[in-house]
C-alpha atoms as a PDB file:
ATOM      1  CA  MET A   1     160.325 162.251 162.750  1.00  0.00           C
ATOM      2  CA  THR A   2     161.076 165.410 160.792  1.00  0.00           C
ATOM      3  CA  GLY A   3     157.657 167.015 160.837  1.00  0.00           C
ATOM      4  CA  ILE A   4     157.842 167.599 157.075  1.00  0.00           C
ATOM      5  CA  SER A   5     154.618 168.445 155.244  1.00  0.00           C
ATOM      6  CA  THR A   6     152.587 165.421 154.156  1.00  0.00           C
ATOM      7  CA  ALA A   7     151.158 167.207 151.111  1.00  0.00           C
ATOM      8  CA  SER A   8     150.732 164.699 148.313  1.00  0.00           C
ATOM      9  CA  PHE A   9     151.854 165.075 144.721  1.00  0.00           C
ATOM     10  CA  PRO A  10     151.234 161.629 143.197  1.00  0.00           C
ATOM     11  CA  MET A  11     151.614 160.667 139.580  1.00  0.00           C
ATOM     12  CA  LYS A  12     148.381 160.078 137.628  1.00  0.00           C
ATOM     13  CA  GLY A  13     147.155 156.646 138.722  1.00  0.00           C
ATOM     14  CA  GLY A  14     145.424 153.783 136.963  1.00  0.00           C
ATOM     15  CA  ASP A  15     146.107 152.575 133.440  1.00  0.00           C
ATOM     16  CA  GLY A  16     144.262 155.209 131.405  1.00  0.00           C
ATOM     17  CA  ALA A  17     145.464 157.351 128.531  1.00  0.00           C
ATOM     18  CA  TYR A  18     147.122 159.883 130.838  1.00  0.00           C
ATOM     19  CA  SER A  19     148.344 157.510 133.537  1.00  0.00           C
ATOM     20  CA  TYR A  20     151.962 157.515 134.617  1.00  0.00           C
ATOM     21  CA  ALA A  21     152.120 153.780 133.963  1.00  0.00           C
ATOM     22  CA  ASN A  22     151.524 154.459 130.261  1.00  0.00           C
ATOM     23  CA  ASN A  23     153.492 157.704 130.020  1.00  0.00           C
ATOM     24  CA  SER A  24     156.841 157.161 131.694  1.00  0.00           C
ATOM     25  CA  SER A  25     158.942 156.142 128.699  1.00  0.00           C
ATOM     26  CA  TYR A  26     161.385 158.998 129.315  1.00  0.00           C
ATOM     27  CA  GLN A  27     162.132 157.670 132.794  1.00  0.00           C
ATOM     28  CA  ARG A  28     162.278 154.099 131.489  1.00  0.00           C
ATOM     29  CA  GLU A  29     164.856 155.078 128.887  1.00  0.00           C
ATOM     30  CA  GLY A  30     167.030 156.632 131.588  1.00  0.00           C
ATOM     31  CA  LEU A  31     166.740 153.504 133.745  1.00  0.00           C
ATOM     32  CA  GLU A  32     167.691 151.284 130.817  1.00  0.00           C
ATOM     33  CA  CYS A  33     170.763 153.454 130.256  1.00  0.00           C
ATOM     34  CA  ALA A  34     171.611 153.066 133.958  1.00  0.00           C
ATOM     35  CA  GLU A  35     171.081 149.284 133.912  1.00  0.00           C
ATOM     36  CA  ASP A  36     174.740 148.421 133.364  1.00  0.00           C
ATOM     37  CA  LEU A  37     175.819 151.018 135.928  1.00  0.00           C
ATOM     38  CA  ILE A  38     173.803 149.214 138.605  1.00  0.00           C
ATOM     39  CA  LYS A  39     175.249 145.862 137.526  1.00  0.00           C
ATOM     40  CA  GLU A  40     178.757 147.278 137.781  1.00  0.00           C
ATOM     41  CA  SER A  41     177.968 148.858 141.138  1.00  0.00           C
ATOM     42  CA  VAL A  42     176.847 145.549 142.620  1.00  0.00           C
ATOM     43  CA  ALA A  43     179.731 143.611 141.069  1.00  0.00           C
ATOM     44  CA  GLU A  44     182.417 146.061 142.198  1.00  0.00           C
ATOM     45  CA  LYS A  45     181.097 147.693 145.361  1.00  0.00           C
ATOM     46  CA  LEU A  46     178.684 145.356 147.166  1.00  0.00           C
ATOM     47  CA  ASP A  47     180.378 143.825 150.235  1.00  0.00           C
ATOM     48  CA  MET A  48     179.256 140.241 149.719  1.00  0.00           C
ATOM     49  CA  LYS A  49     181.817 138.808 152.158  1.00  0.00           C
ATOM     50  CA  GLU A  50     180.256 140.710 155.050  1.00  0.00           C
ATOM     51  CA  PHE A  51     176.779 139.663 153.934  1.00  0.00           C
ATOM     52  CA  ILE A  52     177.734 135.979 153.682  1.00  0.00           C
ATOM     53  CA  SER A  53     179.517 135.973 157.032  1.00  0.00           C
ATOM     54  CA  SER A  54     176.429 137.200 158.893  1.00  0.00           C
ATOM     55  CA  SER A  55     174.742 134.648 161.134  1.00  0.00           C
ATOM     56  CA  SER A  56     171.316 134.732 159.486  1.00  0.00           C
ATOM     57  CA  SER A  57     170.170 131.673 157.544  1.00  0.00           C
ATOM     58  CA  PRO A  58     168.711 131.721 154.970  1.00  0.00           C
ATOM     59  CA  LYS A  59     170.370 134.920 153.820  1.00  0.00           C
ATOM     60  CA  LEU A  60     167.854 137.742 153.411  1.00  0.00           C
ATOM     61  CA  PHE A  61     168.801 140.623 151.098  1.00  0.00           C
ATOM     62  CA  THR A  62     166.454 143.592 151.455  1.00  0.00           C
ATOM     63  CA  ILE A  63     165.971 146.159 148.696  1.00  0.00           C
ATOM     64  CA  ALA A  64     163.951 149.388 148.867  1.00  0.00           C
ATOM     65  CA  ASP A  65     162.807 151.350 145.830  1.00  0.00           C
ATOM     66  CA  LEU A  66     161.906 154.827 147.061  1.00  0.00           C
ATOM     67  CA  GLY A  67     159.533 156.920 144.991  1.00  0.00           C
ATOM     68  CA  CYS A  68     158.575 153.709 143.197  1.00  0.00           C
ATOM     69  CA  SER A  69     155.326 155.036 141.687  1.00  0.00           C
ATOM     70  CA  PHE A  70     153.349 152.156 140.174  1.00  0.00           C
ATOM     71  CA  GLY A  71     154.326 151.559 136.560  1.00  0.00           C
ATOM     72  CA  PRO A  72     156.593 148.912 135.077  1.00  0.00           C
ATOM     73  CA  ASN A  73     159.765 150.944 135.701  1.00  0.00           C
ATOM     74  CA  THR A  74     160.122 149.948 139.347  1.00  0.00           C
ATOM     75  CA  LEU A  75     159.766 146.256 138.452  1.00  0.00           C
ATOM     76  CA  PHE A  76     162.474 146.602 135.801  1.00  0.00           C
ATOM     77  CA  VAL A  77     164.863 148.172 138.307  1.00  0.00           C
ATOM     78  CA  VAL A  78     164.161 145.628 141.044  1.00  0.00           C
ATOM     79  CA  GLU A  79     164.711 142.669 138.745  1.00  0.00           C
ATOM     80  CA  ASN A  80     168.014 144.152 137.565  1.00  0.00           C
ATOM     81  CA  ILE A  81     169.239 144.625 141.147  1.00  0.00           C
ATOM     82  CA  ILE A  82     168.196 141.103 142.144  1.00  0.00           C
ATOM     83  CA  HIS A  83     169.859 139.515 139.129  1.00  0.00           C
ATOM     84  CA  SER A  84     173.065 141.453 139.813  1.00  0.00           C
ATOM     85  CA  VAL A  85     173.119 140.386 143.477  1.00  0.00           C
ATOM     86  CA  GLU A  86     172.446 136.763 142.529  1.00  0.00           C
ATOM     87  CA  LEU A  87     175.409 136.760 140.151  1.00  0.00           C
ATOM     88  CA  LYS A  88     177.745 138.124 142.805  1.00  0.00           C
ATOM     89  CA  TYR A  89     176.418 135.752 145.484  1.00  0.00           C
ATOM     90  CA  HIS A  90     176.903 132.791 143.154  1.00  0.00           C
ATOM     91  CA  SER A  91     180.465 133.942 142.347  1.00  0.00           C
ATOM     92  CA  PHE A  92     181.348 133.243 145.984  1.00  0.00           C
ATOM     93  CA  GLY A  93     180.322 129.618 145.569  1.00  0.00           C
ATOM     94  CA  GLN A  94     177.182 130.009 147.641  1.00  0.00           C
ATOM     95  CA  ASN A  95     174.031 127.909 147.346  1.00  0.00           C
ATOM     96  CA  GLN A  96     171.564 130.055 145.417  1.00  0.00           C
ATOM     97  CA  GLU A  97     168.605 128.493 147.255  1.00  0.00           C
ATOM     98  CA  ALA A  98     169.877 129.922 150.541  1.00  0.00           C
ATOM     99  CA  LEU A  99     169.417 133.497 149.275  1.00  0.00           C
ATOM    100  CA  GLU A 100     166.057 135.229 149.660  1.00  0.00           C
ATOM    101  CA  PHE A 101     164.967 138.736 148.682  1.00  0.00           C
ATOM    102  CA  LEU A 102     162.546 141.181 150.258  1.00  0.00           C
ATOM    103  CA  VAL A 103     161.592 144.189 148.124  1.00  0.00           C
ATOM    104  CA  LEU A 104     160.006 147.232 149.754  1.00  0.00           C
ATOM    105  CA  PHE A 105     158.118 149.448 147.313  1.00  0.00           C
ATOM    106  CA  SER A 106     157.798 152.886 148.873  1.00  0.00           C
ATOM    107  CA  ASP A 107     156.034 156.069 147.840  1.00  0.00           C
ATOM    108  CA  ARG A 108     153.614 158.594 149.273  1.00  0.00           C
ATOM    109  CA  ALA A 109     150.469 157.130 150.819  1.00  0.00           C
ATOM    110  CA  SER A 110     148.371 158.426 147.907  1.00  0.00           C
ATOM    111  CA  ASN A 111     150.426 156.446 145.386  1.00  0.00           C
ATOM    112  CA  ASP A 112     148.469 153.899 143.327  1.00  0.00           C
ATOM    113  CA  PHE A 113     149.798 150.827 145.141  1.00  0.00           C
ATOM    114  CA  ASN A 114     146.828 148.759 143.929  1.00  0.00           C
ATOM    115  CA  THR A 115     147.956 149.076 140.307  1.00  0.00           C
ATOM    116  CA  LEU A 116     151.534 148.321 141.350  1.00  0.00           C
ATOM    117  CA  PHE A 117     150.673 145.132 143.217  1.00  0.00           C
ATOM    118  CA  ARG A 118     148.375 143.911 140.441  1.00  0.00           C
ATOM    119  CA  SER A 119     151.305 144.204 138.044  1.00  0.00           C
ATOM    120  CA  LEU A 120     153.733 142.106 140.123  1.00  0.00           C
ATOM    121  CA  PRO A 121     154.872 139.099 138.055  1.00  0.00           C
ATOM    122  CA  SER A 122     153.531 135.747 139.194  1.00  0.00           C
ATOM    123  CA  ASP A 123     157.009 134.232 138.924  1.00  0.00           C
ATOM    124  CA  LYS A 124     158.804 136.936 140.908  1.00  0.00           C
ATOM    125  CA  LYS A 125     161.894 135.899 142.886  1.00  0.00           C
ATOM    126  CA  TYR A 126     161.169 138.073 145.892  1.00  0.00           C
ATOM    127  CA  PHE A 127     158.744 138.819 148.673  1.00  0.00           C
ATOM    128  CA  ALA A 128     157.079 142.203 148.215  1.00  0.00           C
ATOM    129  CA  ALA A 129     155.660 144.805 150.571  1.00  0.00           C
ATOM    130  CA  GLY A 130     154.426 148.376 150.268  1.00  0.00           C
ATOM    131  CA  VAL A 131     155.810 151.070 152.551  1.00  0.00           C
ATOM    132  CA  PRO A 132     153.834 154.333 152.324  1.00  0.00           C
ATOM    133  CA  GLY A 133     155.454 157.544 153.463  1.00  0.00           C
ATOM    134  CA  LEU A 134     157.729 160.453 152.589  1.00  0.00           C
ATOM    135  CA  PHE A 135     161.279 159.346 151.916  1.00  0.00           C
ATOM    136  CA  GLN A 136     162.621 162.397 153.709  1.00  0.00           C
ATOM    137  CA  ASP A 137     161.480 160.573 156.852  1.00  0.00           C
ATOM    138  CA  ARG A 138     162.426 157.199 158.317  1.00  0.00           C
ATOM    139  CA  LEU A 139     160.475 154.387 156.675  1.00  0.00           C
ATOM    140  CA  VAL A 140     161.875 151.116 158.066  1.00  0.00           C
ATOM    141  CA  PRO A 141     163.813 149.876 161.137  1.00  0.00           C
ATOM    142  CA  LYS A 142     167.479 150.649 161.640  1.00  0.00           C
ATOM    143  CA  ALA A 143     170.068 148.670 159.654  1.00  0.00           C
ATOM    144  CA  SER A 144     167.376 146.714 157.810  1.00  0.00           C
ATOM    145  CA  LEU A 145     168.252 147.557 154.191  1.00  0.00           C
ATOM    146  CA  ASN A 146     171.073 146.213 152.026  1.00  0.00           C
ATOM    147  CA  PHE A 147     170.379 148.236 148.882  1.00  0.00           C
ATOM    148  CA  VAL A 148     168.342 151.380 148.226  1.00  0.00           C
ATOM    149  CA  HIS A 149     167.281 152.662 144.821  1.00  0.00           C
ATOM    150  CA  CYS A 150     165.672 156.024 144.099  1.00  0.00           C
ATOM    151  CA  SER A 151     165.202 157.437 140.598  1.00  0.00           C
ATOM    152  CA  TYR A 152     163.479 160.549 139.201  1.00  0.00           C
ATOM    153  CA  SER A 153     162.143 161.409 142.653  1.00  0.00           C
ATOM    154  CA  LEU A 154     164.631 163.453 144.662  1.00  0.00           C
ATOM    155  CA  HIS A 155     163.942 166.626 142.685  1.00  0.00           C
ATOM    156  CA  TRP A 156     160.405 166.661 144.144  1.00  0.00           C
ATOM    157  CA  LEU A 157     160.321 168.893 147.210  1.00  0.00           C
ATOM    158  CA  SER A 158     158.586 167.779 150.376  1.00  0.00           C
ATOM    159  CA  LYS A 159     156.795 171.136 150.490  1.00  0.00           C
ATOM    160  CA  ILE A 160     156.697 174.566 148.909  1.00  0.00           C
ATOM    161  CA  PRO A 161     159.033 177.036 150.687  1.00  0.00           C
ATOM    162  CA  MET A 162     156.872 179.146 152.994  1.00  0.00           C
ATOM    163  CA  GLU A 163     158.479 182.398 151.844  1.00  0.00           C
ATOM    164  CA  LEU A 164     156.914 182.007 148.395  1.00  0.00           C
ATOM    165  CA  MET A 165     153.438 182.389 149.913  1.00  0.00           C
ATOM    166  CA  ASP A 166     154.244 185.427 152.084  1.00  0.00           C
ATOM    167  CA  ARG A 167     153.253 188.695 150.413  1.00  0.00           C
ATOM    168  CA  ASP A 168     155.661 190.557 152.695  1.00  0.00           C
ATOM    169  CA  SER A 169     158.644 188.365 151.784  1.00  0.00           C
ATOM    170  CA  PRO A 170     161.201 189.241 149.064  1.00  0.00           C
ATOM    171  CA  ALA A 171     160.632 185.647 147.909  1.00  0.00           C
ATOM    172  CA  TRP A 172     156.905 186.099 147.272  1.00  0.00           C
ATOM    173  CA  ASN A 173     156.574 184.558 143.830  1.00  0.00           C
ATOM    174  CA  LYS A 174     153.743 186.688 142.435  1.00  0.00           C
ATOM    175  CA  GLY A 175     152.828 185.932 138.842  1.00  0.00           C
ATOM    176  CA  ARG A 176     155.216 182.965 138.637  1.00  0.00           C
ATOM    177  CA  ILE A 177     154.818 179.251 139.240  1.00  0.00           C
ATOM    178  CA  PHE A 178     158.503 178.383 139.401  1.00  0.00           C
ATOM    179  CA  TYR A 179     161.903 179.971 140.019  1.00  0.00           C
ATOM    180  CA  ASN A 180     163.548 180.275 136.614  1.00  0.00           C
ATOM    181  CA  HIS A 181     162.355 183.854 135.894  1.00  0.00           C
ATOM    182  CA  SER A 182     161.918 184.897 139.505  1.00  0.00           C
ATOM    183  CA  PRO A 183     164.033 187.076 141.828  1.00  0.00           C
ATOM    184  CA  ASP A 184     167.134 185.545 143.376  1.00  0.00           C
ATOM    185  CA  GLU A 185     165.326 185.233 146.702  1.00  0.00           C
ATOM    186  CA  VAL A 186     162.900 182.750 145.121  1.00  0.00           C
ATOM    187  CA  SER A 187     165.677 180.584 143.720  1.00  0.00           C
ATOM    188  CA  GLU A 188     167.436 180.708 147.060  1.00  0.00           C
ATOM    189  CA  ALA A 189     164.285 179.577 148.880  1.00  0.00           C
ATOM    190  CA  TYR A 190     163.909 176.625 146.515  1.00  0.00           C
ATOM    191  CA  SER A 191     167.581 175.733 146.867  1.00  0.00           C
ATOM    192  CA  ALA A 192     167.397 175.922 150.668  1.00  0.00           C
ATOM    193  CA  GLN A 193     164.351 173.636 150.750  1.00  0.00           C
ATOM    194  CA  PHE A 194     166.079 171.122 148.497  1.00  0.00           C
ATOM    195  CA  ALA A 195     169.125 171.158 150.766  1.00  0.00           C
ATOM    196  CA  LYS A 196     166.923 170.504 153.821  1.00  0.00           C
ATOM    197  CA  ASP A 197     165.136 167.659 152.048  1.00  0.00           C
ATOM    198  CA  MET A 198     168.425 166.078 151.002  1.00  0.00           C
ATOM    199  CA  GLU A 199     169.747 166.264 154.549  1.00  0.00           C
ATOM    200  CA  TYR A 200     166.613 164.580 155.899  1.00  0.00           C
ATOM    201  CA  PHE A 201     166.767 161.967 153.122  1.00  0.00           C
ATOM    202  CA  LEU A 202     170.417 161.086 153.672  1.00  0.00           C
ATOM    203  CA  ASN A 203     170.098 160.956 157.441  1.00  0.00           C
ATOM    204  CA  ALA A 204     167.078 158.664 157.212  1.00  0.00           C
ATOM    205  CA  ARG A 205     168.837 156.299 154.805  1.00  0.00           C
ATOM    206  CA  ALA A 206     171.968 156.304 156.966  1.00  0.00           C
ATOM    207  CA  GLU A 207     169.844 154.907 159.792  1.00  0.00           C
ATOM    208  CA  GLU A 208     168.109 152.316 157.619  1.00  0.00           C
ATOM    209  CA  LEU A 209     171.038 150.953 155.607  1.00  0.00           C
ATOM    210  CA  VAL A 210     173.474 148.438 157.030  1.00  0.00           C
ATOM    211  CA  CYS A 211     177.031 149.739 157.304  1.00  0.00           C
ATOM    212  CA  GLY A 212     178.574 149.358 153.889  1.00  0.00           C
ATOM    213  CA  GLY A 213     175.118 149.190 152.269  1.00  0.00           C
ATOM    214  CA  LEU A 214     174.683 150.779 148.855  1.00  0.00           C
ATOM    215  CA  MET A 215     172.305 153.405 147.520  1.00  0.00           C
ATOM    216  CA  ALA A 216     171.848 154.080 143.797  1.00  0.00           C
ATOM    217  CA  LEU A 217     170.254 157.383 142.782  1.00  0.00           C
ATOM    218  CA  VAL A 218     169.176 158.771 139.426  1.00  0.00           C
ATOM    219  CA  VAL A 219     168.691 162.521 139.807  1.00  0.00           C
ATOM    220  CA  PRO A 220     167.674 164.917 137.006  1.00  0.00           C
ATOM    221  CA  CYS A 221     169.983 167.910 137.178  1.00  0.00           C
ATOM    222  CA  ILE A 222     170.678 171.146 135.370  1.00  0.00           C
ATOM    223  CA  PRO A 223     173.982 170.602 133.543  1.00  0.00           C
ATOM    224  CA  ASP A 224     176.833 172.633 134.979  1.00  0.00           C
ATOM    225  CA  GLY A 225     177.334 175.774 132.925  1.00  0.00           C
ATOM    226  CA  ILE A 226     173.724 175.953 131.644  1.00  0.00           C
ATOM    227  CA  SER A 227     171.631 178.887 132.811  1.00  0.00           C
ATOM    228  CA  LYS A 228     168.089 178.414 134.084  1.00  0.00           C
ATOM    229  CA  LEU A 229     166.778 180.418 131.135  1.00  0.00           C
ATOM    230  CA  GLU A 230     168.415 178.041 128.636  1.00  0.00           C
ATOM    231  CA  PHE A 231     167.342 174.823 130.341  1.00  0.00           C
ATOM    232  CA  SER A 232     164.872 172.957 128.105  1.00  0.00           C
ATOM    233  CA  ASP A 233     162.927 171.365 130.961  1.00  0.00           C
ATOM    234  CA  PHE A 234     162.071 174.793 132.349  1.00  0.00           C
ATOM    235  CA  LYS A 235     160.824 176.050 128.988  1.00  0.00           C
ATOM    236  CA  PHE A 236     157.910 173.632 129.248  1.00  0.00           C
ATOM    237  CA  LEU A 237     157.088 175.157 132.617  1.00  0.00           C
ATOM    238  CA  ASP A 238     157.212 178.648 131.077  1.00  0.00           C
ATOM    239  CA  LEU A 239     154.510 177.536 128.645  1.00  0.00           C
ATOM    240  CA  MET A 240     152.388 176.152 131.464  1.00  0.00           C
ATOM    241  CA  GLU A 241     152.728 179.456 133.288  1.00  0.00           C
ATOM    242  CA  GLU A 242     151.661 181.320 130.155  1.00  0.00           C
ATOM    243  CA  SER A 243     148.656 179.013 129.770  1.00  0.00           C
ATOM    244  CA  LEU A 244     147.521 179.712 133.330  1.00  0.00           C
ATOM    245  CA  LYS A 245     147.896 183.471 132.828  1.00  0.00           C
ATOM    246  CA  ASP A 246     145.854 183.271 129.616  1.00  0.00           C
ATOM    247  CA  MET A 247     143.093 181.570 131.579  1.00  0.00           C
ATOM    248  CA  VAL A 248     143.182 184.427 134.101  1.00  0.00           C
ATOM    249  CA  ASP A 249     142.814 186.924 131.230  1.00  0.00           C
ATOM    250  CA  VAL A 250     139.622 185.243 129.976  1.00  0.00           C
ATOM    251  CA  GLY A 251     138.145 184.835 133.457  1.00  0.00           C
ATOM    252  CA  LEU A 252     138.589 181.072 133.858  1.00  0.00           C
ATOM    253  CA  LEU A 253     140.939 181.499 136.824  1.00  0.00           C
ATOM    254  CA  THR A 254     141.580 184.218 139.365  1.00  0.00           C
ATOM    255  CA  GLU A 255     144.926 185.973 139.619  1.00  0.00           C
ATOM    256  CA  ASP A 256     145.155 185.105 143.325  1.00  0.00           C
ATOM    257  CA  LYS A 257     144.715 181.423 142.548  1.00  0.00           C
ATOM    258  CA  VAL A 258     147.624 181.479 140.124  1.00  0.00           C
ATOM    259  CA  ASP A 259     149.766 183.605 142.455  1.00  0.00           C
ATOM    260  CA  SER A 260     149.345 180.977 145.180  1.00  0.00           C
ATOM    261  CA  PHE A 261     150.474 178.113 142.918  1.00  0.00           C
ATOM    262  CA  ASN A 262     154.139 177.068 142.844  1.00  0.00           C
ATOM    263  CA  LEU A 263     155.610 173.891 141.429  1.00  0.00           C
ATOM    264  CA  PRO A 264     157.226 171.739 144.141  1.00  0.00           C
ATOM    265  CA  LEU A 265     160.409 170.645 142.440  1.00  0.00           C
ATOM    266  CA  TYR A 266     164.031 171.705 142.250  1.00  0.00           C
ATOM    267  CA  GLN A 267     166.734 170.452 139.936  1.00  0.00           C
ATOM    268  CA  PRO A 268     170.259 171.000 141.267  1.00  0.00           C
ATOM    269  CA  THR A 269     173.470 171.083 139.293  1.00  0.00           C
ATOM    270  CA  PRO A 270     175.732 168.019 139.648  1.00  0.00           C
ATOM    271  CA  VAL A 271     178.217 170.126 141.632  1.00  0.00           C
ATOM    272  CA  GLU A 272     175.472 171.273 144.002  1.00  0.00           C
ATOM    273  CA  LEU A 273     174.210 167.711 144.477  1.00  0.00           C
ATOM    274  CA  GLY A 274     177.678 166.355 145.184  1.00  0.00           C
ATOM    275  CA  ALA A 275     178.382 169.121 147.689  1.00  0.00           C
ATOM    276  CA  LEU A 276     175.211 168.318 149.666  1.00  0.00           C
ATOM    277  CA  ILE A 277     176.151 164.640 149.856  1.00  0.00           C
ATOM    278  CA  GLU A 278     179.682 165.454 150.957  1.00  0.00           C
ATOM    279  CA  ARG A 279     178.387 167.873 153.585  1.00  0.00           C
ATOM    280  CA  ASN A 280     176.241 165.129 155.111  1.00  0.00           C
ATOM    281  CA  ARG A 281     179.346 162.994 155.761  1.00  0.00           C
ATOM    282  CA  ARG A 282     177.441 159.753 156.282  1.00  0.00           C
ATOM    283  CA  PHE A 283     178.007 158.377 152.777  1.00  0.00           C
ATOM    284  CA  SER A 284     180.958 158.042 150.449  1.00  0.00           C
ATOM    285  CA  ILE A 285     180.394 158.818 146.781  1.00  0.00           C
ATOM    286  CA  GLU A 286     181.533 155.680 144.959  1.00  0.00           C
ATOM    287  CA  LYS A 287     180.443 156.824 141.515  1.00  0.00           C
ATOM    288  CA  MET A 288     178.859 159.938 140.065  1.00  0.00           C
ATOM    289  CA  GLN A 289     178.437 160.298 136.336  1.00  0.00           C
ATOM    290  CA  ARG A 290     176.016 161.537 133.744  1.00  0.00           C
ATOM    291  CA  ILE A 291     173.747 158.957 132.134  1.00  0.00           C
ATOM    292  CA  VAL A 292     174.286 158.970 128.392  1.00  0.00           C
ATOM    293  CA  ARG A 293     171.042 158.596 126.484  1.00  0.00           C
ATOM    294  CA  PRO A 294     170.813 157.543 122.835  1.00  0.00           C
ATOM    295  CA  ALA A 295     170.313 160.349 120.343  1.00  0.00           C
ATOM    296  CA  ARG A 296     166.675 160.993 119.558  1.00  0.00           C
ATOM    297  CA  LYS A 297     164.672 163.559 117.617  1.00  0.00           C
ATOM    298  CA  GLY A 298     162.265 164.249 120.453  1.00  0.00           C
ATOM    299  CA  TYR A 299     158.719 163.265 121.319  1.00  0.00           C
ATOM    300  CA  GLY A 300     155.581 163.466 119.277  1.00  0.00           C
ATOM    301  CA  LEU A 301     153.307 166.256 120.466  1.00  0.00           C
ATOM    302  CA  GLN A 302     150.633 163.973 121.891  1.00  0.00           C
ATOM    303  CA  SER A 303     153.204 161.747 123.605  1.00  0.00           C
ATOM    304  CA  LEU A 304     154.812 164.788 125.161  1.00  0.00           C
ATOM    305  CA  ILE A 305     151.586 166.316 126.463  1.00  0.00           C
ATOM    306  CA  SER A 306     150.464 162.933 127.814  1.00  0.00           C
ATOM    307  CA  MET A 307     153.738 162.598 129.727  1.00  0.00           C
ATOM    308  CA  ILE A 308     153.453 166.126 131.160  1.00  0.00           C
ATOM    309  CA  ARG A 309     149.829 165.495 132.096  1.00  0.00           C
ATOM    310  CA  ALA A 310     150.673 162.199 133.814  1.00  0.00           C
ATOM    311  CA  ILE A 311     153.166 164.052 136.012  1.00  0.00           C
ATOM    312  CA  TRP A 312     151.272 167.272 136.738  1.00  0.00           C
ATOM    313  CA  GLU A 313     147.537 166.558 136.466  1.00  0.00           C
ATOM    314  CA  GLU A 314     146.989 165.496 140.082  1.00  0.00           C
ATOM    315  CA  LEU A 315     148.807 168.570 141.385  1.00  0.00           C
ATOM    316  CA  ILE A 316     146.938 170.922 139.035  1.00  0.00           C
ATOM    317  CA  GLN A 317     143.614 169.354 139.972  1.00  0.00           C
ATOM    318  CA  ASP A 318     144.334 169.571 143.688  1.00  0.00           C
ATOM    319  CA  HIS A 319     145.002 173.316 143.501  1.00  0.00           C
ATOM    320  CA  PHE A 320     142.662 174.549 140.767  1.00  0.00           C
ATOM    321  CA  GLY A 321     139.927 171.900 140.727  1.00  0.00           C
ATOM    322  CA  THR A 322     138.905 169.392 138.077  1.00  0.00           C
ATOM    323  CA  ASP A 323     136.991 171.768 135.798  1.00  0.00           C
ATOM    324  CA  ILE A 324     140.019 173.497 134.286  1.00  0.00           C
ATOM    325  CA  VAL A 325     142.280 170.475 133.702  1.00  0.00           C
ATOM    326  CA  ASP A 326     141.312 169.674 130.099  1.00  0.00           C
ATOM    327  CA  GLU A 327     141.284 173.352 129.139  1.00  0.00           C
ATOM    328  CA  LEU A 328     144.727 173.954 130.628  1.00  0.00           C
ATOM    329  CA  PHE A 329     146.393 171.030 128.917  1.00  0.00           C
ATOM    330  CA  ASP A 330     144.706 171.833 125.582  1.00  0.00           C
ATOM    331  CA  ARG A 331     146.154 175.336 125.789  1.00  0.00           C
ATOM    332  CA  LEU A 332     149.557 173.971 126.796  1.00  0.00           C
ATOM    333  CA  LYS A 333     149.492 171.552 123.856  1.00  0.00           C
ATOM    334  CA  LYS A 334     148.854 174.417 121.418  1.00  0.00           C
ATOM    335  CA  LYS A 335     151.697 176.478 122.894  1.00  0.00           C
ATOM    336  CA  ILE A 336     154.122 173.563 122.645  1.00  0.00           C
ATOM    337  CA  ALA A 337     153.119 173.038 119.008  1.00  0.00           C
ATOM    338  CA  GLU A 338     153.652 176.721 118.237  1.00  0.00           C
ATOM    339  CA  SER A 339     157.042 176.753 119.980  1.00  0.00           C
ATOM    340  CA  ASN A 340     158.354 173.589 118.267  1.00  0.00           C
ATOM    341  CA  LEU A 341     159.633 172.582 121.687  1.00  0.00           C
ATOM    342  CA  SER A 342     159.737 168.780 121.871  1.00  0.00           C
ATOM    343  CA  SER A 343     163.033 167.812 123.454  1.00  0.00           C
ATOM    344  CA  LEU A 344     164.441 167.269 126.948  1.00  0.00           C
ATOM    345  CA  GLU A 345     167.932 166.772 125.569  1.00  0.00           C
ATOM    346  CA  MET A 346     169.668 169.240 127.905  1.00  0.00           C
ATOM    347  CA  VAL A 347     168.604 167.412 131.073  1.00  0.00           C
ATOM    348  CA  ALA A 348     171.579 165.858 132.880  1.00  0.00           C
ATOM    349  CA  ASP A 349     170.403 162.652 134.529  1.00  0.00           C
ATOM    350  CA  MET A 350     173.086 161.842 137.084  1.00  0.00           C
ATOM    351  CA  TYR A 351     173.766 158.325 138.338  1.00  0.00           C
ATOM    352  CA  VAL A 352     175.082 158.468 141.888  1.00  0.00           C
ATOM    353  CA  LEU A 353     176.252 155.449 143.889  1.00  0.00           C
ATOM    354  CA  LEU A 354     176.655 155.963 147.615  1.00  0.00           C
ATOM    355  CA  ARG A 355     178.048 153.673 150.299  1.00  0.00           C
ATOM    356  CA  ARG A 356     176.948 153.933 153.912  1.00  0.00           C
ATOM    357  CA  LYS A 357     180.011 154.815 155.977  1.00  0.00           C
ATOM    358  CA  ILE A 358     180.875 152.997 159.171  1.00  0.00           C
ATOM    359  CA  ASP A 359     180.103 155.203 162.169  1.00  0.00           C
END
């Protein structure tokens, strides 16, 4: 085991107005755009001959969706993978009834698995199980997975870099909640933590995947050539930071409480992400390309704030308490309206297909 922090940053559970299940249309759109990429990946890269030649009968194909959360998105992805595998299996003249699927839905232990399992379709073509735990650690036995999927999750850090909390460190992030306006030492601490997390993640999957097994990732990145100050995703975080500081000014929060709060995510560039995978040496990059989304004008203000709240409310509440949540997001909503900021169009969602190398 890695000994990584077990701090929990779940999405907003349940099916309420601010739940992730009802406010993950941005992620769903990205997954729909990646749907054909997964189909092509299975059709072109999945080693079905090796799978068919194995001695097991019936044939069990095991899929893991890591960072599954609990909304309909994970079910959409799983059904697409299963359908793609069925088509390839059938193309080899195999009896479809001899093929069975096991799907492992995995996320942090605090994830709303109850909502997820209640939403499983009654006519599903697979056996289902929940696997709680951090995906930077081992989750299942060695060589037990045929296909791994992980989307919109790898940019979440396993923990906040310790240097950010040390008043004597050059990376102490006083007055900031993120790294986009901070000293270089802060950015470097975030980058180093992301690199550690990726190494743990890749090593764990290398143990769990069969040789030749595939892993499909969707990772939100900063486009190459775009500065942190220009990046639209970070501008929303600037407004959240401003909202927290305003609450300090009127006595609703203490300065120390805000100084000790840092957002646990890091978005690499595509070049940076590719370099970390190559450095690991346990996977080959079979495909790496930007997901092209349809043109859109942006989100309505309420839809946007509901999406942000679904992602960040649990984390905000854990650090600052429940009393300030409504006030904070009301202030953030007003700042977004005043800024006319309603788009995430500069985000580069990267589709990455990896194959487990033979040792």
